[in-house]
N, C-alpha and C. Protein backbone atom coordinates (compact mmCIF):
# COMPACT_ATOMS: atom_id res chain seq x y z
N MET A 1 -3.13 12.91 -11.79
CA MET A 1 -3.79 12.28 -12.87
C MET A 1 -5.17 12.63 -12.30
N ALA A 2 -6.24 12.87 -13.17
CA ALA A 2 -8.00 13.24 -12.63
C ALA A 2 -8.59 11.69 -12.32
N PRO A 3 -9.72 11.48 -11.17
CA PRO A 3 -10.02 10.43 -10.72
C PRO A 3 -10.86 9.56 -11.67
N ASN A 4 -10.94 9.69 -12.48
CA ASN A 4 -11.20 9.27 -13.67
C ASN A 4 -10.64 8.33 -14.83
N LYS A 5 -9.14 8.61 -14.91
CA LYS A 5 -8.41 8.01 -15.53
C LYS A 5 -7.52 7.35 -14.54
N LEU A 6 -7.61 6.16 -16.15
CA LEU A 6 -6.00 5.03 -15.34
C LEU A 6 -5.23 5.32 -14.89
N ARG A 7 -4.32 5.11 -14.42
CA ARG A 7 -2.93 5.70 -14.13
C ARG A 7 -2.08 5.27 -15.26
N PRO A 8 -1.18 5.30 -15.15
CA PRO A 8 -0.14 4.76 -16.94
C PRO A 8 0.29 3.42 -16.81
N GLY A 9 -0.07 2.04 -17.27
CA GLY A 9 0.18 0.85 -17.31
C GLY A 9 -0.93 0.26 -16.33
N VAL A 10 -1.90 0.40 -16.14
CA VAL A 10 -2.91 0.08 -15.38
C VAL A 10 -3.34 -0.84 -16.30
N GLU A 11 -3.88 -1.27 -17.22
CA GLU A 11 -4.44 -1.43 -18.38
C GLU A 11 -4.35 -3.08 -18.39
N SER A 12 -2.74 -3.01 -17.82
CA SER A 12 -2.04 -4.71 -18.14
C SER A 12 -2.97 -5.32 -16.32
N ALA A 13 -2.67 -4.52 -15.15
CA ALA A 13 -3.45 -5.00 -14.45
C ALA A 13 -4.62 -5.35 -14.82
N VAL A 14 -5.71 -4.16 -15.00
CA VAL A 14 -6.89 -4.85 -15.15
C VAL A 14 -7.14 -5.97 -16.26
N GLU A 15 -6.54 -6.21 -16.95
CA GLU A 15 -6.25 -7.56 -17.64
C GLU A 15 -6.28 -8.82 -16.81
N LEU A 16 -5.43 -8.79 -16.03
CA LEU A 16 -4.31 -9.63 -15.06
C LEU A 16 -5.97 -9.81 -13.54
N TRP A 17 -6.62 -8.59 -13.74
CA TRP A 17 -7.53 -8.67 -12.56
C TRP A 17 -9.27 -9.90 -13.41
N LYS A 18 -8.88 -9.28 -14.56
CA LYS A 18 -10.41 -10.46 -15.20
C LYS A 18 -9.93 -11.84 -15.21
N SER A 19 -8.47 -12.20 -15.01
CA SER A 19 -7.84 -13.33 -14.91
C SER A 19 -8.59 -14.42 -14.44
N ARG A 20 -8.62 -16.15 -13.97
CA ARG A 20 -8.89 -16.88 -13.16
C ARG A 20 -7.31 -17.57 -13.61
N ASP A 21 -6.49 -17.42 -14.01
CA ASP A 21 -5.42 -18.02 -13.99
C ASP A 21 -4.33 -18.40 -13.22
N SER A 22 -4.44 -19.17 -12.55
CA SER A 22 -2.90 -18.56 -11.51
C SER A 22 -1.74 -18.67 -12.10
N ALA A 23 -1.37 -19.19 -13.09
CA ALA A 23 -0.33 -19.52 -13.70
C ALA A 23 -0.33 -18.05 -14.18
N LYS A 24 -1.17 -17.44 -14.84
CA LYS A 24 -0.44 -15.76 -15.12
C LYS A 24 -0.63 -14.44 -14.16
N TRP A 25 -1.24 -15.47 -12.53
CA TRP A 25 -0.94 -14.48 -11.41
C TRP A 25 0.69 -14.91 -10.95
N GLU A 26 0.87 -16.22 -10.79
CA GLU A 26 2.20 -16.41 -10.47
C GLU A 26 3.03 -15.49 -11.24
N GLU A 27 3.36 -15.75 -12.25
CA GLU A 27 4.37 -14.95 -13.35
C GLU A 27 4.80 -13.50 -12.69
N PHE A 28 2.81 -12.99 -13.02
CA PHE A 28 3.55 -12.04 -12.18
C PHE A 28 3.52 -11.59 -11.30
N CYS A 29 3.59 -12.22 -10.21
CA CYS A 29 4.33 -12.30 -9.35
C CYS A 29 5.34 -12.43 -8.79
N ASN A 30 6.48 -13.58 -9.87
CA ASN A 30 7.48 -13.69 -9.72
C ASN A 30 8.52 -13.18 -10.61
N SER A 31 7.85 -11.29 -10.83
CA SER A 31 8.58 -10.15 -11.03
C SER A 31 8.42 -9.34 -10.40
N TYR A 32 8.22 -10.02 -8.89
CA TYR A 32 8.16 -8.54 -8.52
C TYR A 32 8.91 -7.51 -7.86
N GLU A 33 10.25 -8.42 -7.88
CA GLU A 33 11.61 -8.19 -7.44
C GLU A 33 12.16 -6.86 -9.01
N ASP A 34 11.58 -7.23 -9.49
CA ASP A 34 11.71 -6.11 -11.19
C ASP A 34 10.82 -5.18 -11.07
N SER A 35 9.81 -5.38 -10.14
CA SER A 35 9.01 -3.96 -10.24
C SER A 35 9.49 -3.16 -9.28
N ARG A 36 10.04 -3.61 -8.01
CA ARG A 36 11.02 -2.84 -7.23
C ARG A 36 11.76 -1.72 -7.68
N VAL A 37 13.29 -2.70 -8.86
CA VAL A 37 13.91 -2.02 -10.25
C VAL A 37 13.31 -0.99 -10.38
N ILE A 38 12.59 -1.38 -10.81
CA ILE A 38 11.71 -0.39 -12.23
C ILE A 38 11.10 0.97 -11.25
N THR A 39 10.64 0.37 -9.95
CA THR A 39 10.27 1.82 -9.10
C THR A 39 10.89 2.92 -8.73
N GLN A 40 12.08 2.06 -8.43
CA GLN A 40 13.76 2.83 -7.98
C GLN A 40 13.92 3.41 -9.21
N ARG A 41 14.02 2.91 -10.04
CA ARG A 41 15.13 3.57 -10.93
C ARG A 41 14.04 4.66 -12.05
N LEU A 42 12.56 4.43 -12.26
CA LEU A 42 11.79 5.86 -12.61
C LEU A 42 11.41 7.04 -11.79
N LEU A 43 11.93 7.10 -9.89
CA LEU A 43 11.51 7.74 -9.38
C LEU A 43 12.94 9.36 -9.76
N LYS A 44 11.74 10.30 -9.70
CA LYS A 44 11.94 11.74 -9.71
C LYS A 44 13.18 12.42 -8.54
N ASN A 45 13.96 13.41 -8.67
CA ASN A 45 14.91 13.60 -8.20
C ASN A 45 14.18 14.10 -7.27
N SER A 46 13.27 14.52 -6.87
CA SER A 46 12.45 14.95 -5.95
C SER A 46 12.08 13.91 -4.84
N GLN A 47 12.04 12.78 -5.36
CA GLN A 47 11.58 11.43 -4.80
C GLN A 47 12.16 10.68 -3.60
N ILE A 48 13.26 11.29 -4.63
CA ILE A 48 14.87 10.25 -4.31
C ILE A 48 15.25 10.98 -2.90
N LYS A 49 15.46 12.29 -3.24
CA LYS A 49 16.18 13.23 -2.12
C LYS A 49 15.05 13.11 -0.38
N LEU A 50 13.90 12.31 -0.59
CA LEU A 50 12.83 11.98 0.17
C LEU A 50 13.39 11.42 1.91
N SER A 51 14.36 10.59 1.27
CA SER A 51 15.85 9.75 2.18
C SER A 51 16.60 9.33 1.68
N HIS A 52 17.49 9.27 2.56
CA HIS A 52 19.31 8.30 2.27
C HIS A 52 18.73 7.09 1.49
N HIS A 53 17.73 6.54 1.96
CA HIS A 53 17.16 4.83 2.04
C HIS A 53 16.78 5.12 0.09
N SER A 54 17.02 3.55 -0.06
CA SER A 54 16.46 3.48 -2.01
C SER A 54 14.49 2.84 -1.54
N PHE A 55 14.37 3.32 -2.53
CA PHE A 55 12.91 2.56 -2.85
C PHE A 55 12.94 1.40 -2.24
N ILE A 56 14.51 -0.19 -3.11
CA ILE A 56 13.85 -1.39 -2.75
C ILE A 56 14.63 -1.20 -1.41
N GLU A 57 15.38 -0.19 -0.86
CA GLU A 57 15.76 -0.90 0.87
C GLU A 57 14.50 -0.37 2.15
N ASP A 58 13.72 0.28 1.14
CA ASP A 58 12.83 1.25 2.09
C ASP A 58 11.30 -0.65 1.79
N ASP A 59 11.38 -0.73 0.84
CA ASP A 59 10.47 -2.07 0.42
C ASP A 59 10.53 -3.35 1.97
N LYS A 60 12.10 -3.69 1.40
CA LYS A 60 12.47 -4.84 2.21
C LYS A 60 12.27 -4.56 3.81
N TRP A 61 12.39 -2.90 4.05
CA TRP A 61 12.20 -2.77 5.66
C TRP A 61 10.86 -3.55 5.79
N LYS A 62 9.64 -2.46 5.68
CA LYS A 62 8.18 -2.85 5.28
C LYS A 62 7.61 -4.28 4.98
N GLU A 63 8.72 -5.00 4.12
CA GLU A 63 8.32 -6.29 3.97
C GLU A 63 8.28 -7.16 5.23
N ASP A 64 10.14 -6.82 5.92
CA ASP A 64 10.85 -7.86 6.68
C ASP A 64 10.89 -6.97 8.23
N ASN A 65 11.32 -6.39 8.29
CA ASN A 65 11.83 -5.23 9.37
C ASN A 65 10.20 -4.95 10.56
N LEU A 66 10.09 -4.59 9.46
CA LEU A 66 8.48 -3.39 10.49
C LEU A 66 8.02 -4.69 11.27
N PRO A 67 7.20 -5.28 9.99
CA PRO A 67 6.46 -6.03 10.98
C PRO A 67 6.57 -6.71 12.31
N LYS A 68 8.08 -6.91 12.54
CA LYS A 68 8.77 -8.58 13.10
C LYS A 68 9.08 -7.15 14.70
N ASN A 69 9.08 -5.51 14.00
CA ASN A 69 9.14 -4.56 14.73
C ASN A 69 7.71 -4.31 16.02
N ILE A 70 6.63 -4.27 15.18
CA ILE A 70 5.51 -4.26 15.33
C ILE A 70 4.66 -4.97 15.98
N ALA A 71 5.17 -6.79 15.94
CA ALA A 71 5.21 -7.67 16.36
C ALA A 71 5.05 -7.62 17.72
N THR A 72 6.32 -6.81 17.97
CA THR A 72 6.86 -7.72 19.07
C THR A 72 7.21 -6.23 20.56
N LYS A 73 6.88 -4.49 19.93
CA LYS A 73 6.59 -3.73 20.72
C LYS A 73 4.80 -2.56 20.29
N LYS A 74 4.21 -3.26 19.50
CA LYS A 74 2.70 -3.28 19.61
C LYS A 74 2.53 -1.67 19.24
N VAL A 75 3.36 -1.23 18.50
CA VAL A 75 3.28 0.67 18.53
C VAL A 75 4.56 0.80 16.95
N ILE A 76 3.98 2.25 16.27
CA ILE A 76 4.46 2.54 15.18
C ILE A 76 5.04 3.68 15.86
N THR A 77 6.37 4.57 15.67
CA THR A 77 6.96 5.42 16.19
C THR A 77 6.64 6.11 15.08
N LEU A 78 7.20 7.69 15.58
CA LEU A 78 6.79 8.61 14.59
C LEU A 78 7.99 8.35 13.11
N GLN A 79 9.15 7.76 13.86
CA GLN A 79 10.44 8.14 12.60
C GLN A 79 10.01 6.68 11.41
N GLN A 80 9.49 5.92 12.28
CA GLN A 80 8.70 4.64 11.53
C GLN A 80 7.75 4.60 10.49
N LEU A 81 6.70 5.65 11.28
CA LEU A 81 5.91 6.42 10.79
C LEU A 81 6.21 7.34 8.73
N GLU A 82 7.05 7.93 9.48
CA GLU A 82 7.90 9.22 8.19
C GLU A 82 8.97 7.98 7.51
N ARG A 83 9.07 6.92 7.30
CA ARG A 83 9.39 6.16 6.49
C ARG A 83 8.79 5.46 5.56
N LEU A 84 7.42 4.88 6.48
CA LEU A 84 6.36 4.59 5.70
C LEU A 84 6.02 5.67 4.62
N MET A 85 5.81 6.80 4.63
CA MET A 85 5.15 8.12 4.08
C MET A 85 6.17 8.43 2.84
N VAL A 86 7.95 7.85 3.70
CA VAL A 86 8.61 8.13 1.54
C VAL A 86 8.26 7.03 1.20
N TRP A 87 8.46 5.75 1.94
CA TRP A 87 7.63 4.70 0.92
C TRP A 87 6.43 4.81 0.03
N LYS A 88 5.62 4.76 0.20
CA LYS A 88 4.30 5.60 -0.32
C LYS A 88 4.26 6.72 -1.16
N LEU A 89 4.92 7.44 -0.56
CA LEU A 89 5.39 8.98 -1.65
C LEU A 89 6.24 7.84 -3.32
N ARG A 90 6.92 7.16 -2.98
CA ARG A 90 7.87 6.60 -4.05
C ARG A 90 6.98 5.40 -4.77
N ARG A 91 6.50 4.98 -3.53
CA ARG A 91 5.97 3.67 -5.04
C ARG A 91 4.09 4.50 -5.98
N GLY A 92 3.89 5.46 -4.77
CA GLY A 92 2.80 5.79 -5.62
C GLY A 92 3.16 7.36 -6.26
N GLN A 93 1.67 8.15 -6.10
CA GLN A 93 1.96 9.68 -6.76
C GLN A 93 2.82 10.84 -5.54
N PHE A 94 3.62 11.32 -5.65
CA PHE A 94 4.20 12.26 -4.75
C PHE A 94 3.06 13.13 -4.94
N ARG A 95 3.03 13.41 -3.28
CA ARG A 95 2.27 14.55 -2.82
C ARG A 95 3.19 14.80 -2.12
N PRO A 96 3.62 16.07 -1.63
CA PRO A 96 5.30 16.53 -1.11
C PRO A 96 4.72 17.37 0.71
N THR A 97 3.80 17.48 0.16
CA THR A 97 2.75 18.90 1.38
C THR A 97 2.14 16.71 2.55
N LEU A 98 2.57 15.45 2.04
CA LEU A 98 1.52 14.44 2.92
C LEU A 98 3.08 14.48 3.96
N MET A 99 4.62 14.93 3.73
CA MET A 99 5.68 14.64 4.28
C MET A 99 5.67 15.65 5.77
N GLY A 100 5.30 16.37 5.11
CA GLY A 100 4.86 17.90 6.11
C GLY A 100 3.96 17.68 6.88
N LEU A 101 2.93 17.25 6.88
CA LEU A 101 1.83 17.23 7.71
C LEU A 101 2.29 15.47 8.72
N ILE A 102 2.92 14.76 8.47
CA ILE A 102 3.17 13.42 8.79
C ILE A 102 4.04 14.24 10.00
N LYS A 103 5.56 15.21 9.50
CA LYS A 103 6.03 15.60 10.84
C LYS A 103 5.58 16.62 11.47
N ARG A 104 4.36 16.96 11.88
CA ARG A 104 3.57 17.90 12.64
C ARG A 104 3.15 17.07 14.10
N ASN A 105 3.38 15.75 13.23
CA ASN A 105 2.78 15.07 14.29
C ASN A 105 3.98 14.63 15.97
N SER A 106 3.81 14.76 17.10
CA SER A 106 4.08 14.57 18.19
C SER A 106 4.83 13.25 17.91
N PRO A 107 5.76 12.63 18.66
CA PRO A 107 6.25 11.30 18.87
C PRO A 107 5.09 10.68 19.91
N SER A 108 5.07 11.29 21.10
CA SER A 108 3.92 10.36 21.32
C SER A 108 2.87 9.78 21.07
N CYS A 109 2.37 11.11 20.41
CA CYS A 109 0.55 11.19 19.77
C CYS A 109 0.77 10.05 18.78
N VAL A 110 1.84 9.75 18.16
CA VAL A 110 1.68 8.70 17.05
C VAL A 110 2.02 7.51 17.80
N GLU A 111 2.62 7.64 18.90
CA GLU A 111 2.89 5.94 19.50
C GLU A 111 1.12 5.67 20.22
N GLU A 112 0.49 6.72 20.68
CA GLU A 112 -0.15 6.52 21.11
C GLU A 112 -2.13 6.04 20.47
N VAL A 113 -1.17 6.60 19.33
CA VAL A 113 -2.70 6.33 18.12
C VAL A 113 -2.08 5.34 17.21
N THR A 114 -1.20 4.89 17.71
CA THR A 114 -1.06 3.68 16.95
C THR A 114 -1.34 2.49 17.43
N ARG A 115 -0.63 2.78 18.89
CA ARG A 115 -1.14 1.62 19.49
C ARG A 115 -2.44 1.16 20.07
N LYS A 116 -3.55 2.10 19.89
CA LYS A 116 -4.77 2.22 19.56
C LYS A 116 -5.53 1.02 18.41
N ALA A 117 -4.93 1.58 17.12
CA ALA A 117 -5.12 1.33 16.09
C ALA A 117 -5.10 -0.05 16.37
N ILE A 118 -3.83 -0.50 16.69
CA ILE A 118 -3.17 -1.80 16.27
C ILE A 118 -4.34 -2.88 17.28
N ALA A 119 -4.34 -2.22 18.34
CA ALA A 119 -4.77 -3.42 19.33
C ALA A 119 -5.92 -3.45 19.01
N LEU A 120 -6.90 -2.30 18.47
CA LEU A 120 -8.32 -2.21 17.66
C LEU A 120 -8.68 -4.08 16.59
N VAL A 121 -7.73 -3.40 15.54
CA VAL A 121 -7.26 -4.85 14.53
C VAL A 121 -7.13 -6.26 15.12
N GLU A 122 -6.23 -5.84 16.35
CA GLU A 122 -5.99 -7.55 16.77
C GLU A 122 -6.94 -8.12 17.88
N GLU A 123 -7.66 -7.57 18.05
CA GLU A 123 -8.69 -7.94 18.55
C GLU A 123 -9.75 -8.53 17.49
N SER A 124 -10.15 -7.93 16.51
CA SER A 124 -11.14 -7.88 16.09
C SER A 124 -11.13 -7.63 14.40
N ILE A 125 -10.85 -7.94 13.11
CA ILE A 125 -10.75 -7.31 11.72
C ILE A 125 -11.84 -6.38 11.27
N GLU A 126 -13.20 -6.95 12.41
CA GLU A 126 -14.45 -6.64 12.39
C GLU A 126 -14.20 -4.94 12.43
N ASN A 127 -12.60 -4.80 13.78
CA ASN A 127 -12.93 -2.92 14.02
C ASN A 127 -11.98 -2.20 13.23
N ILE A 128 -11.87 -2.52 11.72
CA ILE A 128 -10.86 -2.09 10.98
C ILE A 128 -11.61 -0.11 10.92
N SER A 129 -13.18 -0.59 10.45
CA SER A 129 -13.10 1.16 10.39
C SER A 129 -13.08 1.78 11.37
N ASP A 130 -12.88 1.77 12.66
CA ASP A 130 -12.83 2.10 13.73
C ASP A 130 -11.31 2.87 13.68
N ALA A 131 -10.34 1.33 13.82
CA ALA A 131 -8.97 1.66 13.38
C ALA A 131 -8.41 2.50 12.35
N PHE A 132 -9.31 2.58 11.23
CA PHE A 132 -8.81 3.64 10.44
C PHE A 132 -9.43 4.84 10.70
N LYS A 133 -10.36 5.09 11.91
CA LYS A 133 -10.80 6.43 12.34
C LYS A 133 -10.30 7.01 13.14
N VAL A 134 -9.52 6.04 14.22
CA VAL A 134 -7.81 6.39 14.95
C VAL A 134 -7.32 7.26 14.33
N LEU A 135 -6.66 6.67 13.34
CA LEU A 135 -5.39 6.55 12.66
C LEU A 135 -5.73 7.89 11.42
N GLU A 136 -6.64 8.00 11.54
CA GLU A 136 -6.89 9.72 10.51
C GLU A 136 -6.78 10.92 11.29
N SER A 137 -6.54 10.35 12.74
CA SER A 137 -6.59 11.52 13.63
C SER A 137 -5.55 12.11 13.95
N LEU A 138 -4.28 11.58 13.06
CA LEU A 138 -2.75 12.04 13.10
C LEU A 138 -2.86 12.75 11.27
N HIS A 139 -1.83 14.10 11.32
CA HIS A 139 -1.55 14.92 10.68
C HIS A 139 -1.44 14.05 9.77
N GLY A 140 -1.94 14.24 8.13
CA GLY A 140 -1.13 13.61 6.61
C GLY A 140 -1.60 12.37 7.00
N VAL A 141 -2.47 11.65 7.86
CA VAL A 141 -2.64 10.34 7.48
C VAL A 141 -4.80 10.64 6.91
N GLY A 142 -4.73 9.81 5.88
CA GLY A 142 -6.35 9.88 5.17
C GLY A 142 -5.78 8.12 5.34
N PRO A 143 -7.17 7.97 4.56
CA PRO A 143 -7.38 6.32 3.84
C PRO A 143 -6.18 5.48 3.57
N ALA A 144 -5.52 6.00 3.07
CA ALA A 144 -4.37 5.45 1.98
C ALA A 144 -3.84 4.81 3.09
N THR A 145 -3.33 6.33 3.84
CA THR A 145 -2.12 5.62 4.50
C THR A 145 -2.53 4.90 6.36
N ALA A 146 -3.52 4.94 6.19
CA ALA A 146 -4.19 4.12 7.07
C ALA A 146 -4.07 3.07 6.76
N SER A 147 -4.46 2.32 5.39
CA SER A 147 -4.23 1.27 5.10
C SER A 147 -2.96 0.78 4.86
N LEU A 148 -2.38 1.42 4.78
CA LEU A 148 -0.56 1.00 4.38
C LEU A 148 -0.34 0.66 6.22
N ILE A 149 -0.91 1.41 6.97
CA ILE A 149 -0.17 1.49 8.24
C ILE A 149 -0.80 -0.06 8.96
N LEU A 150 -2.17 -0.53 8.39
CA LEU A 150 -2.95 -1.25 8.94
C LEU A 150 -2.32 -3.53 8.03
N SER A 151 -1.85 -2.34 7.44
CA SER A 151 -1.72 -3.72 5.98
C SER A 151 0.25 -4.14 6.78
N VAL A 152 0.79 -3.55 7.06
CA VAL A 152 1.85 -4.11 7.36
C VAL A 152 1.54 -4.95 9.16
N ILE A 153 0.55 -4.69 9.44
CA ILE A 153 0.50 -4.86 10.92
C ILE A 153 -0.74 -6.40 11.12
N LEU A 154 -1.74 -6.70 9.41
CA LEU A 154 -2.35 -7.61 8.81
C LEU A 154 -2.75 -7.63 7.94
N PRO A 155 -1.12 -8.23 7.12
CA PRO A 155 -0.87 -8.44 5.51
C PRO A 155 -2.45 -9.30 5.28
N ASP A 156 -2.71 -10.53 5.73
CA ASP A 156 -3.05 -11.52 4.98
C ASP A 156 -4.58 -11.08 5.20
N GLN A 157 -5.68 -9.36 6.22
CA GLN A 157 -6.53 -9.22 5.76
C GLN A 157 -6.68 -7.57 5.37
N VAL A 158 -5.23 -6.98 5.65
CA VAL A 158 -5.68 -5.22 4.95
C VAL A 158 -5.08 -5.21 3.93
N PRO A 159 -5.21 -5.31 1.92
CA PRO A 159 -3.79 -4.74 1.75
C PRO A 159 -4.18 -3.02 1.59
N PHE A 160 -3.16 -2.42 1.08
CA PHE A 160 -2.62 -1.11 0.98
C PHE A 160 -3.58 -1.08 -0.58
N MET A 161 -4.24 0.95 -0.19
CA MET A 161 -5.01 1.42 -0.59
C MET A 161 -4.22 1.29 -1.96
N SER A 162 -3.59 0.99 -3.07
CA SER A 162 -2.61 1.46 -3.80
C SER A 162 -3.89 1.68 -4.92
N ASP A 163 -2.88 2.72 -6.23
CA ASP A 163 -4.05 3.14 -7.31
C ASP A 163 -4.31 2.37 -7.93
N GLU A 164 -2.98 1.27 -8.39
CA GLU A 164 -2.98 0.57 -9.05
C GLU A 164 -4.35 -1.26 -8.86
N ALA A 165 -4.12 -1.09 -7.32
CA ALA A 165 -4.97 -2.16 -7.42
C ALA A 165 -6.47 -1.69 -7.28
N MET A 166 -6.49 -0.66 -6.88
CA MET A 166 -7.92 -0.42 -6.64
C MET A 166 -8.56 -0.07 -8.37
N ASP A 167 -7.81 0.31 -8.94
CA ASP A 167 -8.25 1.46 -10.58
C ASP A 167 -8.70 -1.05 -10.68
N ALA A 168 -7.73 -0.98 -10.96
CA ALA A 168 -7.95 -2.81 -11.62
C ALA A 168 -8.95 -3.11 -11.22
N SER A 169 -9.11 -3.06 -9.68
CA SER A 169 -10.53 -4.39 -8.51
C SER A 169 -12.32 -4.12 -8.74
N ILE A 170 -11.82 -2.35 -8.43
CA ILE A 170 -12.91 -1.93 -8.29
C ILE A 170 -12.67 -0.72 -9.50
N GLY A 171 -12.68 -0.36 -9.86
CA GLY A 171 -12.72 0.50 -11.21
C GLY A 171 -13.05 2.37 -11.10
N LEU A 172 -13.06 3.45 -11.45
CA LEU A 172 -12.75 4.46 -11.39
C LEU A 172 -14.36 5.45 -11.14
N PRO A 173 -14.32 6.08 -10.60
CA PRO A 173 -13.67 6.76 -10.52
C PRO A 173 -13.04 6.28 -9.01
N ARG A 174 -11.73 7.17 -8.74
CA ARG A 174 -10.78 6.79 -7.69
C ARG A 174 -11.22 7.92 -6.98
N SER A 175 -11.37 7.34 -5.65
CA SER A 175 -11.69 7.76 -4.77
C SER A 175 -10.70 7.37 -3.08
N TYR A 176 -10.72 8.21 -2.31
CA TYR A 176 -10.00 8.01 -0.97
C TYR A 176 -11.01 8.20 0.43
N THR A 177 -11.96 7.02 0.20
CA THR A 177 -12.78 7.36 1.58
C THR A 177 -12.63 5.83 2.16
N ASN A 178 -13.77 5.50 3.15
CA ASN A 178 -13.62 4.88 4.19
C ASN A 178 -14.52 3.85 3.26
N SER A 179 -15.33 4.09 2.49
CA SER A 179 -16.28 3.18 2.11
C SER A 179 -16.00 2.48 1.19
N ARG A 180 -15.32 3.20 0.27
CA ARG A 180 -14.74 2.71 -0.69
C ARG A 180 -13.68 2.08 -0.47
N TYR A 181 -12.49 1.80 0.56
CA TYR A 181 -11.84 1.19 1.07
C TYR A 181 -12.48 -0.38 1.16
N VAL A 182 -13.60 -0.43 2.07
CA VAL A 182 -14.45 -1.23 2.54
C VAL A 182 -14.21 -2.42 0.96
N LYS A 183 -15.11 -1.79 0.01
CA LYS A 183 -15.55 -2.25 -1.02
C LYS A 183 -14.29 -2.83 -2.07
N PHE A 184 -12.86 -2.35 -1.76
CA PHE A 184 -11.42 -2.69 -1.91
C PHE A 184 -11.44 -3.79 -1.56
N GLN A 185 -11.19 -3.43 0.31
CA GLN A 185 -11.09 -4.99 0.88
C GLN A 185 -11.44 -6.07 0.33
N LYS A 186 -13.02 -5.96 0.13
CA LYS A 186 -13.80 -7.15 0.09
C LYS A 186 -13.22 -8.08 -1.41
N ALA A 187 -13.26 -7.09 -2.76
CA ALA A 187 -13.06 -7.22 -3.96
C ALA A 187 -11.55 -8.58 -3.90
N LEU A 188 -10.40 -7.51 -3.53
CA LEU A 188 -9.51 -8.34 -2.93
C LEU A 188 -9.22 -9.56 -1.95
N SER A 189 -10.30 -9.75 -1.63
CA SER A 189 -10.09 -11.18 -0.45
C SER A 189 -10.67 -12.33 -0.93
N SER A 190 -11.93 -11.71 -2.22
CA SER A 190 -12.43 -12.91 -2.87
C SER A 190 -11.69 -13.34 -4.20
N LYS A 191 -10.55 -12.62 -4.66
CA LYS A 191 -9.44 -12.87 -5.40
C LYS A 191 -8.89 -13.29 -5.29
N ALA A 192 -8.23 -13.23 -4.07
CA ALA A 192 -7.38 -14.31 -3.07
C ALA A 192 -7.66 -15.69 -2.64
N GLU A 193 -9.13 -15.73 -2.53
CA GLU A 193 -10.03 -16.69 -1.91
C GLU A 193 -10.22 -17.38 -3.73
N GLU A 194 -10.61 -17.22 -4.81
CA GLU A 194 -10.51 -17.60 -5.94
C GLU A 194 -8.65 -18.06 -6.56
N LEU A 195 -7.89 -17.35 -5.97
CA LEU A 195 -6.33 -18.02 -6.20
C LEU A 195 -5.81 -18.85 -5.48
N GLY A 196 -6.54 -19.30 -4.50
CA GLY A 196 -6.06 -20.23 -3.94
C GLY A 196 -5.09 -20.21 -2.62
N ASN A 197 -4.47 -21.38 -1.96
CA ASN A 197 -3.62 -21.44 -1.37
C ASN A 197 -2.74 -20.47 -1.19
N GLY A 198 -2.13 -19.88 -0.28
CA GLY A 198 -0.24 -18.71 -0.25
C GLY A 198 -1.12 -17.78 -0.72
N TRP A 199 -2.21 -17.35 -1.03
CA TRP A 199 -2.32 -16.23 -1.63
C TRP A 199 -2.92 -14.97 -0.25
N ASN A 200 -3.47 -13.90 -0.11
CA ASN A 200 -3.53 -13.14 0.21
C ASN A 200 -3.43 -11.92 -0.04
N VAL A 201 -5.02 -11.31 0.65
CA VAL A 201 -5.02 -9.32 -0.04
C VAL A 201 -3.93 -8.61 -0.12
N ASN A 202 -2.84 -8.60 0.44
CA ASN A 202 -1.33 -8.08 0.05
C ASN A 202 -1.15 -8.24 -1.02
N LEU A 203 -0.43 -9.63 -0.87
CA LEU A 203 -0.11 -10.18 -2.22
C LEU A 203 -0.91 -9.86 -3.25
N VAL A 204 -1.64 -10.05 -3.29
CA VAL A 204 -2.89 -9.71 -4.69
C VAL A 204 -2.49 -8.19 -5.57
N GLU A 205 -2.23 -7.74 -4.08
CA GLU A 205 -1.74 -6.03 -4.11
C GLU A 205 -0.86 -5.67 -5.37
N LYS A 206 -0.38 -6.84 -4.49
CA LYS A 206 1.25 -6.32 -4.97
C LYS A 206 1.75 -6.70 -6.82
N VAL A 207 1.08 -7.66 -6.82
CA VAL A 207 0.93 -8.76 -8.40
C VAL A 207 -0.05 -7.95 -9.08
N LEU A 208 -1.19 -6.70 -8.93
CA LEU A 208 -1.64 -6.05 -9.44
C LEU A 208 -0.55 -4.44 -9.29
N TYR A 209 -0.02 -4.17 -8.69
CA TYR A 209 1.57 -2.72 -8.82
C TYR A 209 2.01 -3.42 -9.72
N THR A 210 2.06 -5.39 -9.78
CA THR A 210 3.78 -5.10 -11.28
C THR A 210 3.15 -5.16 -12.17
N ALA A 211 1.58 -6.25 -12.71
CA ALA A 211 2.04 -5.92 -13.66
C ALA A 211 1.37 -4.63 -14.26
N ALA A 212 1.23 -3.21 -13.47
CA ALA A 212 1.11 -2.01 -14.23
C ALA A 212 2.31 -1.44 -13.81
N VAL A 213 3.43 -2.00 -13.71
CA VAL A 213 4.60 -0.61 -13.11
C VAL A 213 5.02 -1.21 -14.17
N LEU A 214 5.04 -3.07 -15.12
CA LEU A 214 6.43 -3.80 -15.96
C LEU A 214 6.01 -2.84 -17.45
N ARG A 215 3.55 -2.75 -17.08
CA ARG A 215 3.56 -2.15 -18.51
C ARG A 215 3.89 -0.94 -18.68
N ARG A 216 4.16 -0.20 -17.37
CA ARG A 216 4.37 1.45 -17.95
C ARG A 216 6.05 1.83 -18.50
N ASP A 217 6.77 0.95 -17.77
CA ASP A 217 8.08 0.68 -18.07
C ASP A 217 8.04 0.37 -19.43
N GLU A 218 7.37 -0.76 -20.22
CA GLU A 218 7.42 -0.92 -21.79
C GLU A 218 6.86 0.56 -22.42
N MET A 219 5.65 1.25 -21.93
CA MET A 219 5.55 2.40 -22.65
C MET A 219 6.43 3.15 -22.80
N ASN A 220 7.63 3.43 -22.15
CA ASN A 220 8.40 4.01 -21.57
C ASN A 220 9.56 4.30 -22.24
N GLN A 221 9.81 3.01 -22.71
CA GLN A 221 10.72 2.75 -23.72
C GLN A 221 10.82 2.67 -25.37
């Protein structure tokens, strides 16, 4: 879809973004499990065939198991990067060439690069631009995938650069650049602060995604 057109269903996320009603945000937050089920149901065959794991399994792995593993080992393996890419290609736009590019990276290179990026952001969030540049040295990793990797490491401060959340929070045209990401990160940080206790940038992103997916599902019925 053209970068000057909203993704289907994002109108609902735009409406939510404009709201300061925390109860409305909580309502969509409580529907995140529904969005997981809908995302799984709407997958195309090409997306399903990416892995024997379901989207729901991958999403739970990304939310629960992977952060604990990274916190202990301070590195991401090629196998983990491939699984993150599967998650991204199912949750967002399907760009099959990306998986081929990811597979071109050597295991040692992935570990060396991700170890360096993790060390940078753990030292200071101010190093996020440098961490992006380090991660983007890997085949198949641009700003959106870099944000995905770092969002697992620092979920309170680094949001995933999803189309739905970007379109809702900073508007069109949609572009995947580091400068655009900085604007996106600041917007979600401000919204999390506005919503108050218990909210962070990744929860804001997830809820905006949920709002869009629920509306998209209604449109398909």
